Amino acid sequence: MNSVKTKVIKIGNSRGIRIPKLLLDQVGLGTEVEISVEHDQLLIRRASRPRSGWDEQFRTMAERGDDRLLLAETTLTEWDANEWEW
């Protein structure tokens, strides 16, 4: 299925379209998407997850011992020691 005609429907003060499940399954769209306009066309993409996979990467770093501070010799200032709150 390459293209399908559908109607633009009113949803409150906005408008919406119904996207057939077959098209959604072909591109793997989930429940959240990004919509943009490019060359007078609407482009719908999967919503990006900037930190996707970080937990696994951190776990791998810890297993390899790569999760140490790069500036380990840095001494704390009085402000760092007494004022800073995490």
N, C-alpha and C. Protein backbone atom coordinates (compact mmCIF):
# COMPACT_ATOMS: atom_id res chain seq x y z
N MET A 1 0.86 -1.18 0.00
CA MET A 1 0.00 0.00 0.00
C MET A 1 0.90 1.23 0.00
N ASN A 2 0.89 2.01 -1.07
CA ASN A 2 1.76 3.17 -1.18
C ASN A 2 1.06 4.47 -0.86
N SER A 3 -0.16 4.67 -1.37
CA SER A 3 -0.88 5.91 -1.07
C SER A 3 -2.35 5.59 -0.88
N VAL A 4 -2.98 6.41 -0.05
CA VAL A 4 -4.38 6.23 0.30
C VAL A 4 -5.02 7.60 0.39
N LYS A 5 -6.23 7.74 -0.12
CA LYS A 5 -6.96 8.99 0.07
C LYS A 5 -7.74 8.90 1.36
N THR A 6 -7.77 10.01 2.08
CA THR A 6 -8.53 10.07 3.32
C THR A 6 -9.05 11.49 3.48
N LYS A 7 -9.98 11.68 4.35
CA LYS A 7 -10.58 12.99 4.56
C LYS A 7 -9.96 13.68 5.76
N VAL A 8 -9.88 14.99 5.70
CA VAL A 8 -9.47 15.80 6.85
C VAL A 8 -10.73 16.03 7.67
N ILE A 9 -10.68 15.67 8.95
CA ILE A 9 -11.85 15.79 9.81
C ILE A 9 -11.62 16.85 10.89
N LYS A 10 -12.71 17.39 11.40
CA LYS A 10 -12.64 18.40 12.45
C LYS A 10 -12.52 17.70 13.80
N ILE A 11 -11.55 18.16 14.60
CA ILE A 11 -11.36 17.65 15.96
C ILE A 11 -11.22 18.88 16.85
N GLY A 12 -12.32 19.32 17.44
CA GLY A 12 -12.32 20.55 18.22
C GLY A 12 -11.98 21.72 17.32
N ASN A 13 -10.99 22.53 17.69
CA ASN A 13 -10.55 23.65 16.86
C ASN A 13 -9.47 23.23 15.87
N SER A 14 -9.09 21.97 15.89
CA SER A 14 -8.03 21.47 15.02
C SER A 14 -8.61 20.60 13.92
N ARG A 15 -7.74 20.02 13.13
CA ARG A 15 -8.13 19.09 12.09
C ARG A 15 -7.28 17.84 12.24
N GLY A 16 -7.76 16.73 11.75
CA GLY A 16 -7.02 15.48 11.86
C GLY A 16 -7.26 14.60 10.65
N ILE A 17 -6.44 13.59 10.53
CA ILE A 17 -6.63 12.58 9.49
C ILE A 17 -6.53 11.21 10.13
N ARG A 18 -7.18 10.24 9.51
CA ARG A 18 -7.07 8.86 9.96
C ARG A 18 -6.04 8.17 9.08
N ILE A 19 -5.07 7.54 9.70
CA ILE A 19 -4.02 6.85 8.96
C ILE A 19 -4.28 5.35 9.09
N PRO A 20 -4.43 4.65 7.97
CA PRO A 20 -4.70 3.22 8.03
C PRO A 20 -3.61 2.45 8.78
N LYS A 21 -4.02 1.45 9.54
CA LYS A 21 -3.10 0.64 10.34
C LYS A 21 -2.00 0.04 9.48
N LEU A 22 -2.32 -0.39 8.28
CA LEU A 22 -1.32 -0.99 7.41
C LEU A 22 -0.17 -0.02 7.14
N LEU A 23 -0.49 1.27 6.92
CA LEU A 23 0.56 2.26 6.70
C LEU A 23 1.36 2.49 7.98
N LEU A 24 0.67 2.57 9.11
CA LEU A 24 1.36 2.75 10.39
C LEU A 24 2.32 1.60 10.67
N ASP A 25 1.86 0.37 10.38
CA ASP A 25 2.70 -0.80 10.61
C ASP A 25 3.91 -0.81 9.68
N GLN A 26 3.74 -0.35 8.45
CA GLN A 26 4.85 -0.35 7.49
C GLN A 26 5.99 0.56 7.93
N VAL A 27 5.67 1.68 8.55
CA VAL A 27 6.72 2.61 8.96
C VAL A 27 7.05 2.53 10.44
N GLY A 28 6.30 1.73 11.19
CA GLY A 28 6.59 1.54 12.60
C GLY A 28 6.29 2.74 13.48
N LEU A 29 5.26 3.50 13.15
CA LEU A 29 4.88 4.64 13.98
C LEU A 29 4.26 4.14 15.28
N GLY A 30 4.64 4.77 16.37
CA GLY A 30 4.06 4.43 17.67
C GLY A 30 2.97 5.42 18.02
N THR A 31 2.87 5.76 19.28
CA THR A 31 1.81 6.66 19.74
C THR A 31 2.24 8.12 19.71
N GLU A 32 3.53 8.38 19.48
CA GLU A 32 4.02 9.76 19.45
C GLU A 32 4.79 9.98 18.15
N VAL A 33 4.49 11.08 17.48
CA VAL A 33 5.13 11.38 16.20
C VAL A 33 5.61 12.82 16.17
N GLU A 34 6.48 13.13 15.20
CA GLU A 34 6.89 14.49 14.92
C GLU A 34 6.33 14.85 13.54
N ILE A 35 5.72 16.03 13.43
CA ILE A 35 5.15 16.48 12.17
C ILE A 35 5.86 17.75 11.75
N SER A 36 6.28 17.81 10.50
CA SER A 36 6.94 19.01 9.99
C SER A 36 6.44 19.28 8.57
N VAL A 37 6.70 20.49 8.10
CA VAL A 37 6.36 20.87 6.73
C VAL A 37 7.65 20.98 5.94
N GLU A 38 7.71 20.24 4.84
CA GLU A 38 8.86 20.30 3.94
C GLU A 38 8.36 20.35 2.51
N HIS A 39 8.73 21.41 1.82
CA HIS A 39 8.34 21.58 0.41
C HIS A 39 6.83 21.44 0.22
N ASP A 40 6.07 22.18 1.01
CA ASP A 40 4.60 22.18 0.93
C ASP A 40 3.97 20.81 1.19
N GLN A 41 4.65 19.95 1.94
CA GLN A 41 4.11 18.64 2.30
C GLN A 41 4.26 18.43 3.79
N LEU A 42 3.31 17.72 4.37
CA LEU A 42 3.43 17.32 5.78
C LEU A 42 4.27 16.06 5.83
N LEU A 43 5.23 16.06 6.72
CA LEU A 43 6.09 14.90 6.90
C LEU A 43 5.89 14.39 8.32
N ILE A 44 5.53 13.13 8.46
CA ILE A 44 5.27 12.52 9.76
C ILE A 44 6.36 11.50 10.02
N ARG A 45 7.05 11.65 11.16
CA ARG A 45 8.13 10.73 11.53
C ARG A 45 7.89 10.20 12.94
N ARG A 46 8.53 9.06 13.23
CA ARG A 46 8.54 8.58 14.62
C ARG A 46 9.16 9.66 15.47
N ALA A 47 8.63 9.86 16.66
CA ALA A 47 9.21 10.84 17.58
C ALA A 47 10.59 10.35 17.99
N SER A 48 11.56 11.25 17.92
CA SER A 48 12.92 10.86 18.30
C SER A 48 13.03 10.81 19.82
N ARG A 49 13.83 9.92 20.27
CA ARG A 49 14.11 9.78 21.70
C ARG A 49 15.60 10.04 21.88
N PRO A 50 15.98 11.29 22.18
CA PRO A 50 17.40 11.65 22.23
C PRO A 50 18.23 10.80 23.18
N ARG A 51 17.64 10.30 24.24
CA ARG A 51 18.41 9.54 25.22
C ARG A 51 18.11 8.04 25.15
N SER A 52 17.52 7.63 24.06
CA SER A 52 17.21 6.21 23.89
C SER A 52 18.48 5.38 23.91
N GLY A 53 18.50 4.33 24.71
CA GLY A 53 19.64 3.44 24.77
C GLY A 53 20.73 3.85 25.76
N TRP A 54 20.57 5.01 26.39
CA TRP A 54 21.60 5.47 27.32
C TRP A 54 21.78 4.51 28.48
N ASP A 55 20.70 3.93 28.99
CA ASP A 55 20.82 3.04 30.14
C ASP A 55 21.71 1.85 29.81
N GLU A 56 21.56 1.28 28.64
CA GLU A 56 22.41 0.16 28.23
C GLU A 56 23.85 0.60 28.03
N GLN A 57 24.05 1.78 27.46
CA GLN A 57 25.41 2.29 27.27
C GLN A 57 26.10 2.54 28.62
N PHE A 58 25.36 3.09 29.58
CA PHE A 58 25.94 3.31 30.91
C PHE A 58 26.29 1.98 31.59
N ARG A 59 25.43 1.00 31.43
CA ARG A 59 25.69 -0.32 32.00
C ARG A 59 26.98 -0.91 31.40
N THR A 60 27.12 -0.80 30.08
CA THR A 60 28.32 -1.30 29.40
C THR A 60 29.56 -0.55 29.88
N MET A 61 29.47 0.77 30.02
CA MET A 61 30.60 1.56 30.51
C MET A 61 31.01 1.10 31.91
N ALA A 62 30.04 0.85 32.78
CA ALA A 62 30.34 0.42 34.14
C ALA A 62 31.04 -0.94 34.13
N GLU A 63 30.59 -1.85 33.27
CA GLU A 63 31.20 -3.17 33.17
C GLU A 63 32.65 -3.07 32.71
N ARG A 64 32.95 -2.12 31.84
CA ARG A 64 34.30 -1.94 31.32
C ARG A 64 35.17 -1.04 32.20
N GLY A 65 34.56 -0.43 33.20
CA GLY A 65 35.30 0.48 34.07
C GLY A 65 35.51 1.85 33.43
N ASP A 66 34.72 2.17 32.41
CA ASP A 66 34.85 3.45 31.70
C ASP A 66 34.00 4.56 32.31
N ASP A 67 33.40 4.33 33.47
CA ASP A 67 32.49 5.32 34.04
C ASP A 67 33.15 6.13 35.16
N ARG A 68 34.46 6.29 35.08
CA ARG A 68 35.18 7.07 36.09
C ARG A 68 35.22 8.54 35.66
N LEU A 69 35.46 9.41 36.64
CA LEU A 69 35.58 10.83 36.34
C LEU A 69 36.84 11.09 35.54
N LEU A 70 36.75 11.92 34.53
CA LEU A 70 37.93 12.25 33.73
C LEU A 70 38.87 13.17 34.48
N LEU A 71 38.34 13.99 35.36
CA LEU A 71 39.15 14.93 36.13
C LEU A 71 39.18 14.49 37.59
N ALA A 72 39.62 13.29 37.84
CA ALA A 72 39.58 12.71 39.17
C ALA A 72 40.44 13.48 40.17
N GLU A 73 41.52 14.14 39.70
CA GLU A 73 42.40 14.85 40.60
C GLU A 73 41.88 16.23 40.99
N THR A 74 40.82 16.66 40.41
CA THR A 74 40.28 17.99 40.69
C THR A 74 39.86 18.07 42.15
N THR A 75 40.31 19.10 42.83
CA THR A 75 39.93 19.29 44.22
C THR A 75 38.67 20.15 44.28
N LEU A 76 37.85 19.84 45.25
CA LEU A 76 36.62 20.59 45.42
C LEU A 76 36.90 21.93 46.08
N THR A 77 36.16 22.92 45.65
CA THR A 77 36.23 24.22 46.32
C THR A 77 35.35 24.17 47.55
N GLU A 78 35.44 25.16 48.39
CA GLU A 78 34.57 25.21 49.57
C GLU A 78 33.11 25.27 49.14
N TRP A 79 32.85 26.00 48.07
CA TRP A 79 31.47 26.09 47.56
C TRP A 79 30.99 24.72 47.11
N ASP A 80 31.86 23.98 46.36
CA ASP A 80 31.49 22.63 45.91
C ASP A 80 31.17 21.72 47.09
N ALA A 81 31.99 21.79 48.10
CA ALA A 81 31.84 20.89 49.23
C ALA A 81 30.63 21.24 50.11
N ASN A 82 30.34 22.55 50.28
CA ASN A 82 29.34 22.94 51.25
C ASN A 82 28.04 23.50 50.68
N GLU A 83 28.10 24.09 49.50
CA GLU A 83 26.93 24.79 48.96
C GLU A 83 26.18 24.00 47.89
N TRP A 84 26.89 23.25 47.08
CA TRP A 84 26.28 22.56 45.96
C TRP A 84 25.32 21.47 46.43
N GLU A 85 24.14 21.42 45.82
CA GLU A 85 23.16 20.39 46.16
C GLU A 85 22.81 19.62 44.91
N TRP A 86 22.78 18.31 45.01
CA TRP A 86 22.37 17.47 43.88
C TRP A 86 20.89 17.34 43.86
